Amino acid sequence: MTLQRWTGMIIGGMVDAQSIAVLAKWHNSYSIKVVLQEPRRLMMSKGSMKLPQPLEGQTYCS
Protein backbone atom coordinates (compact mmCIF):
# COMPACT_ATOMS: atom_id res chain seq x y z
CA MET A 1 0.00 0.00 0.00
CA THR A 2 1.28 3.46 -0.84
CA LEU A 3 1.10 6.04 1.93
CA GLN A 4 0.01 9.54 1.09
CA ARG A 5 -0.10 12.66 3.22
CA TRP A 6 -3.06 14.92 2.94
CA THR A 7 -3.89 17.77 5.22
CA GLY A 8 -5.75 16.91 8.43
CA MET A 9 -7.72 13.89 7.29
CA ILE A 10 -6.03 10.80 8.68
CA ILE A 11 -6.11 10.47 12.45
CA GLY A 12 -4.82 7.25 13.98
CA GLY A 13 -5.30 5.33 10.74
CA MET A 14 -8.91 6.49 10.36
CA VAL A 15 -10.24 9.09 7.94
CA ASP A 16 -11.73 12.09 9.74
CA ALA A 17 -15.31 12.14 8.42
CA GLN A 18 -15.69 15.85 9.22
CA SER A 19 -12.86 16.72 6.81
CA ILE A 20 -14.60 15.18 3.80
CA ALA A 21 -17.82 16.89 2.74
CA VAL A 22 -19.65 13.78 1.48
CA LEU A 23 -19.02 12.03 4.79
CA ALA A 24 -19.76 15.08 6.95
CA LYS A 25 -23.09 15.67 5.16
CA TRP A 26 -24.02 12.05 4.50
CA HIS A 27 -27.11 11.13 2.45
CA ASN A 28 -28.32 7.58 1.79
CA SER A 29 -28.47 8.43 -1.90
CA TYR A 30 -24.65 8.67 -2.16
CA SER A 31 -23.07 5.81 -4.08
CA ILE A 32 -19.74 4.23 -3.16
CA LYS A 33 -18.32 5.91 -6.27
CA VAL A 34 -19.17 9.37 -4.91
CA VAL A 35 -17.71 8.51 -1.50
CA LEU A 36 -14.42 7.27 -3.01
CA GLN A 37 -14.07 10.10 -5.52
CA GLU A 38 -14.12 12.83 -2.88
CA PRO A 39 -10.96 11.73 -0.96
CA ARG A 40 -9.24 11.18 -4.31
CA ARG A 41 -10.16 14.69 -5.42
CA LEU A 42 -8.82 16.10 -2.14
CA MET A 43 -5.59 14.11 -2.42
CA MET A 44 -5.06 15.43 -5.95
CA SER A 45 -5.62 19.09 -4.97
CA LYS A 46 -2.68 21.48 -5.38
CA GLY A 47 -2.31 21.89 -1.62
CA SER A 48 -2.00 18.16 -1.04
CA MET A 49 0.26 17.60 -4.03
CA LYS A 50 2.86 19.96 -2.53
CA LEU A 51 3.13 17.98 0.74
CA PRO A 52 6.21 15.76 1.12
CA GLN A 53 5.41 12.09 0.63
CA PRO A 54 6.66 9.24 2.84
CA LEU A 55 9.60 7.19 1.61
CA GLU A 56 8.88 4.09 -0.50
CA GLY A 57 7.94 1.16 1.74
CA GLN A 58 7.46 3.33 4.85
CA THR A 59 4.57 2.37 7.14
CA TYR A 60 2.83 4.10 10.01
CA CYS A 61 2.93 2.53 13.46
CA SER A 62 0.26 3.23 16.05
PDB file of N, CA and C in Angstrom:
ATOM      1  N   MET A   1       0.844  -1.174   0.000  1.00  0.00           N
ATOM      2  CA  MET A   1       0.000   0.000   0.000  1.00  0.00           C
ATOM      3  C   MET A   1       0.892   1.240   0.000  1.00  0.00           C
ATOM      4  N   THR A   2       0.551   2.214  -0.782  1.00  0.00           N
ATOM      5  CA  THR A   2       1.284   3.464  -0.841  1.00  0.00           C
ATOM      6  C   THR A   2       0.700   4.441   0.164  1.00  0.00           C
ATOM      7  N   LEU A   3       1.548   5.051   0.961  1.00  0.00           N
ATOM      8  CA  LEU A   3       1.096   6.040   1.933  1.00  0.00           C
ATOM      9  C   LEU A   3       1.090   7.412   1.290  1.00  0.00           C
ATOM     10  N   GLN A   4       0.087   8.182   1.579  1.00  0.00           N
ATOM     11  CA  GLN A   4       0.011   9.541   1.085  1.00  0.00           C
ATOM     12  C   GLN A   4      -0.307  10.461   2.241  1.00  0.00           C
ATOM     13  N   ARG A   5       0.227  11.649   2.207  1.00  0.00           N
ATOM     14  CA  ARG A   5      -0.096  12.655   3.218  1.00  0.00           C
ATOM     15  C   ARG A   5      -1.087  13.621   2.619  1.00  0.00           C
ATOM     16  N   TRP A   6      -2.115  13.895   3.354  1.00  0.00           N
ATOM     17  CA  TRP A   6      -3.057  14.919   2.944  1.00  0.00           C
ATOM     18  C   TRP A   6      -3.506  15.626   4.192  1.00  0.00           C
ATOM     19  N   THR A   7      -3.708  16.886   4.090  1.00  0.00           N
ATOM     20  CA  THR A   7      -3.886  17.773   5.221  1.00  0.00           C
ATOM     21  C   THR A   7      -5.056  17.395   6.113  1.00  0.00           C
ATOM     22  N   GLY A   8      -4.769  17.057   7.373  1.00  0.00           N
ATOM     23  CA  GLY A   8      -5.750  16.910   8.431  1.00  0.00           C
ATOM     24  C   GLY A   8      -6.838  15.885   8.265  1.00  0.00           C
ATOM     25  N   MET A   9      -6.635  14.827   7.501  1.00  0.00           N
ATOM     26  CA  MET A   9      -7.721  13.888   7.293  1.00  0.00           C
ATOM     27  C   MET A   9      -7.499  12.525   7.892  1.00  0.00           C
ATOM     28  N   ILE A  10      -6.271  12.119   8.106  1.00  0.00           N
ATOM     29  CA  ILE A  10      -6.029  10.800   8.677  1.00  0.00           C
ATOM     30  C   ILE A  10      -5.611  10.972  10.124  1.00  0.00           C
ATOM     31  N   ILE A  11      -6.377  10.379  11.018  1.00  0.00           N
ATOM     32  CA  ILE A  11      -6.112  10.466  12.451  1.00  0.00           C
ATOM     33  C   ILE A  11      -6.085   9.051  12.989  1.00  0.00           C
ATOM     34  N   GLY A  12      -4.934   8.597  13.432  1.00  0.00           N
ATOM     35  CA  GLY A  12      -4.821   7.252  13.983  1.00  0.00           C
ATOM     36  C   GLY A  12      -5.246   6.164  13.013  1.00  0.00           C
ATOM     37  N   GLY A  13      -4.946   6.343  11.739  1.00  0.00           N
ATOM     38  CA  GLY A  13      -5.297   5.333  10.744  1.00  0.00           C
ATOM     39  C   GLY A  13      -6.728   5.404  10.250  1.00  0.00           C
ATOM     40  N   MET A  14      -7.511   6.335  10.775  1.00  0.00           N
ATOM     41  CA  MET A  14      -8.906   6.493  10.362  1.00  0.00           C
ATOM     42  C   MET A  14      -9.047   7.819   9.619  1.00  0.00           C
ATOM     43  N   VAL A  15      -9.950   7.846   8.651  1.00  0.00           N
ATOM     44  CA  VAL A  15     -10.236   9.085   7.939  1.00  0.00           C
ATOM     45  C   VAL A  15     -11.199   9.908   8.781  1.00  0.00           C
ATOM     46  N   ASP A  16     -10.868  11.178   8.989  1.00  0.00           N
ATOM     47  CA  ASP A  16     -11.731  12.087   9.743  1.00  0.00           C
ATOM     48  C   ASP A  16     -12.927  12.453   8.872  1.00  0.00           C
ATOM     49  N   ALA A  17     -14.098  11.942   9.218  1.00  0.00           N
ATOM     50  CA  ALA A  17     -15.310  12.144   8.418  1.00  0.00           C
ATOM     51  C   ALA A  17     -15.687  13.616   8.299  1.00  0.00           C
ATOM     52  N   GLN A  18     -15.343  14.425   9.277  1.00  0.00           N
ATOM     53  CA  GLN A  18     -15.691  15.846   9.223  1.00  0.00           C
ATOM     54  C   GLN A  18     -14.851  16.612   8.199  1.00  0.00           C
ATOM     55  N   SER A  19     -13.738  16.052   7.773  1.00  0.00           N
ATOM     56  CA  SER A  19     -12.861  16.717   6.812  1.00  0.00           C
ATOM     57  C   SER A  19     -13.277  16.480   5.369  1.00  0.00           C
ATOM     58  N   ILE A  20     -14.157  15.527   5.149  1.00  0.00           N
ATOM     59  CA  ILE A  20     -14.596  15.184   3.796  1.00  0.00           C
ATOM     60  C   ILE A  20     -16.090  15.468   3.700  1.00  0.00           C
ATOM     61  N   ALA A  21     -16.449  16.391   2.818  1.00  0.00           N
ATOM     62  CA  ALA A  21     -17.820  16.894   2.743  1.00  0.00           C
ATOM     63  C   ALA A  21     -18.867  15.795   2.576  1.00  0.00           C
ATOM     64  N   VAL A  22     -18.625  14.820   1.698  1.00  0.00           N
ATOM     65  CA  VAL A  22     -19.646  13.785   1.476  1.00  0.00           C
ATOM     66  C   VAL A  22     -19.853  12.912   2.706  1.00  0.00           C
ATOM     67  N   LEU A  23     -18.854  12.794   3.560  1.00  0.00           N
ATOM     68  CA  LEU A  23     -19.019  12.028   4.794  1.00  0.00           C
ATOM     69  C   LEU A  23     -19.619  12.893   5.899  1.00  0.00           C
ATOM     70  N   ALA A  24     -19.236  14.168   5.933  1.00  0.00           N
ATOM     71  CA  ALA A  24     -19.757  15.076   6.953  1.00  0.00           C
ATOM     72  C   ALA A  24     -21.244  15.348   6.749  1.00  0.00           C
ATOM     73  N   LYS A  25     -21.678  15.386   5.488  1.00  0.00           N
ATOM     74  CA  LYS A  25     -23.085  15.666   5.159  1.00  0.00           C
ATOM     75  C   LYS A  25     -23.671  14.461   4.432  1.00  0.00           C
ATOM     76  N   TRP A  26     -23.631  13.331   5.086  1.00  0.00           N
ATOM     77  CA  TRP A  26     -24.016  12.053   4.499  1.00  0.00           C
ATOM     78  C   TRP A  26     -25.490  12.000   4.100  1.00  0.00           C
ATOM     79  N   HIS A  27     -25.758  11.420   2.931  1.00  0.00           N
ATOM     80  CA  HIS A  27     -27.113  11.126   2.453  1.00  0.00           C
ATOM     81  C   HIS A  27     -27.126   9.682   1.977  1.00  0.00           C
ATOM     82  N   ASN A  28     -28.206   8.983   2.221  1.00  0.00           N
ATOM     83  CA  ASN A  28     -28.316   7.584   1.793  1.00  0.00           C
ATOM     84  C   ASN A  28     -28.250   7.430   0.278  1.00  0.00           C
ATOM     85  N   SER A  29     -28.487   8.504  -0.444  1.00  0.00           N
ATOM     86  CA  SER A  29     -28.466   8.426  -1.905  1.00  0.00           C
ATOM     87  C   SER A  29     -27.045   8.395  -2.476  1.00  0.00           C
ATOM     88  N   TYR A  30     -26.025   8.695  -1.668  1.00  0.00           N
ATOM     89  CA  TYR A  30     -24.648   8.671  -2.162  1.00  0.00           C
ATOM     90  C   TYR A  30     -24.234   7.251  -2.522  1.00  0.00           C
ATOM     91  N   SER A  31     -23.591   7.118  -3.673  1.00  0.00           N
ATOM     92  CA  SER A  31     -23.068   5.812  -4.079  1.00  0.00           C
ATOM     93  C   SER A  31     -21.634   5.675  -3.566  1.00  0.00           C
ATOM     94  N   ILE A  32     -21.125   4.467  -3.585  1.00  0.00           N
ATOM     95  CA  ILE A  32     -19.744   4.234  -3.164  1.00  0.00           C
ATOM     96  C   ILE A  32     -18.777   4.993  -4.077  1.00  0.00           C
ATOM     97  N   LYS A  33     -19.150   5.164  -5.331  1.00  0.00           N
ATOM     98  CA  LYS A  33     -18.320   5.905  -6.275  1.00  0.00           C
ATOM     99  C   LYS A  33     -18.146   7.350  -5.815  1.00  0.00           C
ATOM    100  N   VAL A  34     -19.231   7.982  -5.393  1.00  0.00           N
ATOM    101  CA  VAL A  34     -19.174   9.366  -4.911  1.00  0.00           C
ATOM    102  C   VAL A  34     -18.295   9.455  -3.668  1.00  0.00           C
ATOM    103  N   VAL A  35     -18.463   8.506  -2.758  1.00  0.00           N
ATOM    104  CA  VAL A  35     -17.705   8.506  -1.504  1.00  0.00           C
ATOM    105  C   VAL A  35     -16.208   8.332  -1.765  1.00  0.00           C
ATOM    106  N   LEU A  36     -15.830   7.503  -2.721  1.00  0.00           N
ATOM    107  CA  LEU A  36     -14.417   7.268  -3.014  1.00  0.00           C
ATOM    108  C   LEU A  36     -13.791   8.372  -3.863  1.00  0.00           C
ATOM    109  N   GLN A  37     -14.601   9.037  -4.675  1.00  0.00           N
ATOM    110  CA  GLN A  37     -14.065  10.095  -5.523  1.00  0.00           C
ATOM    111  C   GLN A  37     -13.685  11.338  -4.727  1.00  0.00           C
ATOM    112  N   GLU A  38     -14.400  11.618  -3.648  1.00  0.00           N
ATOM    113  CA  GLU A  38     -14.118  12.832  -2.876  1.00  0.00           C
ATOM    114  C   GLU A  38     -12.734  12.805  -2.221  1.00  0.00           C
ATOM    115  N   PRO A  39     -12.338  11.743  -1.504  1.00  0.00           N
ATOM    116  CA  PRO A  39     -10.964  11.733  -0.964  1.00  0.00           C
ATOM    117  C   PRO A  39      -9.906  11.786  -2.070  1.00  0.00           C
ATOM    118  N   ARG A  40     -10.191  11.143  -3.189  1.00  0.00           N
ATOM    119  CA  ARG A  40      -9.239  11.179  -4.311  1.00  0.00           C
ATOM    120  C   ARG A  40      -9.082  12.604  -4.825  1.00  0.00           C
ATOM    121  N   ARG A  41     -10.209  13.309  -4.962  1.00  0.00           N
ATOM    122  CA  ARG A  41     -10.164  14.695  -5.424  1.00  0.00           C
ATOM    123  C   ARG A  41      -9.349  15.548  -4.445  1.00  0.00           C
ATOM    124  N   LEU A  42      -9.556  15.341  -3.150  1.00  0.00           N
ATOM    125  CA  LEU A  42      -8.825  16.102  -2.138  1.00  0.00           C
ATOM    126  C   LEU A  42      -7.332  15.771  -2.158  1.00  0.00           C
ATOM    127  N   MET A  43      -6.991  14.513  -2.368  1.00  0.00           N
ATOM    128  CA  MET A  43      -5.588  14.110  -2.424  1.00  0.00           C
ATOM    129  C   MET A  43      -4.887  14.693  -3.645  1.00  0.00           C
ATOM    130  N   MET A  44      -5.639  14.908  -4.720  1.00  0.00           N
ATOM    131  CA  MET A  44      -5.060  15.425  -5.954  1.00  0.00           C
ATOM    132  C   MET A  44      -5.060  16.957  -6.008  1.00  0.00           C
ATOM    133  N   SER A  45      -5.585  17.622  -4.978  1.00  0.00           N
ATOM    134  CA  SER A  45      -5.618  19.086  -4.972  1.00  0.00           C
ATOM    135  C   SER A  45      -4.193  19.635  -4.900  1.00  0.00           C
ATOM    136  N   LYS A  46      -4.023  20.875  -5.352  1.00  0.00           N
ATOM    137  CA  LYS A  46      -2.684  21.475  -5.384  1.00  0.00           C
ATOM    138  C   LYS A  46      -2.057  21.524  -4.002  1.00  0.00           C
ATOM    139  N   GLY A  47      -2.844  21.824  -2.974  1.00  0.00           N
ATOM    140  CA  GLY A  47      -2.311  21.893  -1.615  1.00  0.00           C
ATOM    141  C   GLY A  47      -1.755  20.565  -1.145  1.00  0.00           C
ATOM    142  N   SER A  48      -2.450  19.485  -1.449  1.00  0.00           N
ATOM    143  CA  SER A  48      -1.997  18.159  -1.035  1.00  0.00           C
ATOM    144  C   SER A  48      -0.833  17.666  -1.882  1.00  0.00           C
ATOM    145  N   MET A  49      -0.815  18.051  -3.141  1.00  0.00           N
ATOM    146  CA  MET A  49       0.257  17.603  -4.031  1.00  0.00           C
ATOM    147  C   MET A  49       1.610  18.183  -3.620  1.00  0.00           C
ATOM    148  N   LYS A  50       1.609  19.325  -2.936  1.00  0.00           N
ATOM    149  CA  LYS A  50       2.858  19.964  -2.527  1.00  0.00           C
ATOM    150  C   LYS A  50       3.422  19.374  -1.243  1.00  0.00           C
ATOM    151  N   LEU A  51       2.653  18.569  -0.514  1.00  0.00           N
ATOM    152  CA  LEU A  51       3.129  17.984   0.736  1.00  0.00           C
ATOM    153  C   LEU A  51       4.181  16.917   0.460  1.00  0.00           C
ATOM    154  N   PRO A  52       5.204  16.815   1.320  1.00  0.00           N
ATOM    155  CA  PRO A  52       6.208  15.762   1.124  1.00  0.00           C
ATOM    156  C   PRO A  52       5.585  14.392   1.351  1.00  0.00           C
ATOM    157  N   GLN A  53       5.959  13.439   0.532  1.00  0.00           N
ATOM    158  CA  GLN A  53       5.411  12.088   0.626  1.00  0.00           C
ATOM    159  C   GLN A  53       6.358  11.195   1.422  1.00  0.00           C
ATOM    160  N   PRO A  54       5.811  10.182   2.100  1.00  0.00           N
ATOM    161  CA  PRO A  54       6.662   9.238   2.836  1.00  0.00           C
ATOM    162  C   PRO A  54       7.584   8.479   1.878  1.00  0.00           C
ATOM    163  N   LEU A  55       8.683   7.978   2.413  1.00  0.00           N
ATOM    164  CA  LEU A  55       9.603   7.189   1.605  1.00  0.00           C
ATOM    165  C   LEU A  55       8.941   5.897   1.151  1.00  0.00           C
ATOM    166  N   GLU A  56       9.398   5.355   0.036  1.00  0.00           N
ATOM    167  CA  GLU A  56       8.877   4.094  -0.499  1.00  0.00           C
ATOM    168  C   GLU A  56       9.012   2.993   0.542  1.00  0.00           C
ATOM    169  N   GLY A  57       7.930   2.279   0.802  1.00  0.00           N
ATOM    170  CA  GLY A  57       7.939   1.164   1.742  1.00  0.00           C
ATOM    171  C   GLY A  57       7.738   1.564   3.194  1.00  0.00           C
ATOM    172  N   GLN A  58       7.651   2.865   3.478  1.00  0.00           N
ATOM    173  CA  GLN A  58       7.460   3.331   4.851  1.00  0.00           C
ATOM    174  C   GLN A  58       6.040   3.020   5.312  1.00  0.00           C
ATOM    175  N   THR A  59       5.895   2.637   6.574  1.00  0.00           N
ATOM    176  CA  THR A  59       4.573   2.370   7.143  1.00  0.00           C
ATOM    177  C   THR A  59       4.398   3.179   8.412  1.00  0.00           C
ATOM    178  N   TYR A  60       3.145   3.393   8.770  1.00  0.00           N
ATOM    179  CA  TYR A  60       2.826   4.101  10.010  1.00  0.00           C
ATOM    180  C   TYR A  60       2.620   3.092  11.121  1.00  0.00           C
ATOM    181  N   CYS A  61       3.139   3.384  12.290  1.00  0.00           N
ATOM    182  CA  CYS A  61       2.934   2.531  13.459  1.00  0.00           C
ATOM    183  C   CYS A  61       2.057   3.276  14.450  1.00  0.00           C
ATOM    184  N   SER A  62       1.112   2.555  15.074  1.00  0.00           N
ATOM    185  CA  SER A  62       0.259   3.230  16.052  1.00  0.00           C
ATOM    186  C   SER A  62       0.600   2.822  17.452  1.00  0.00           C
TER     187      SER A  62
END
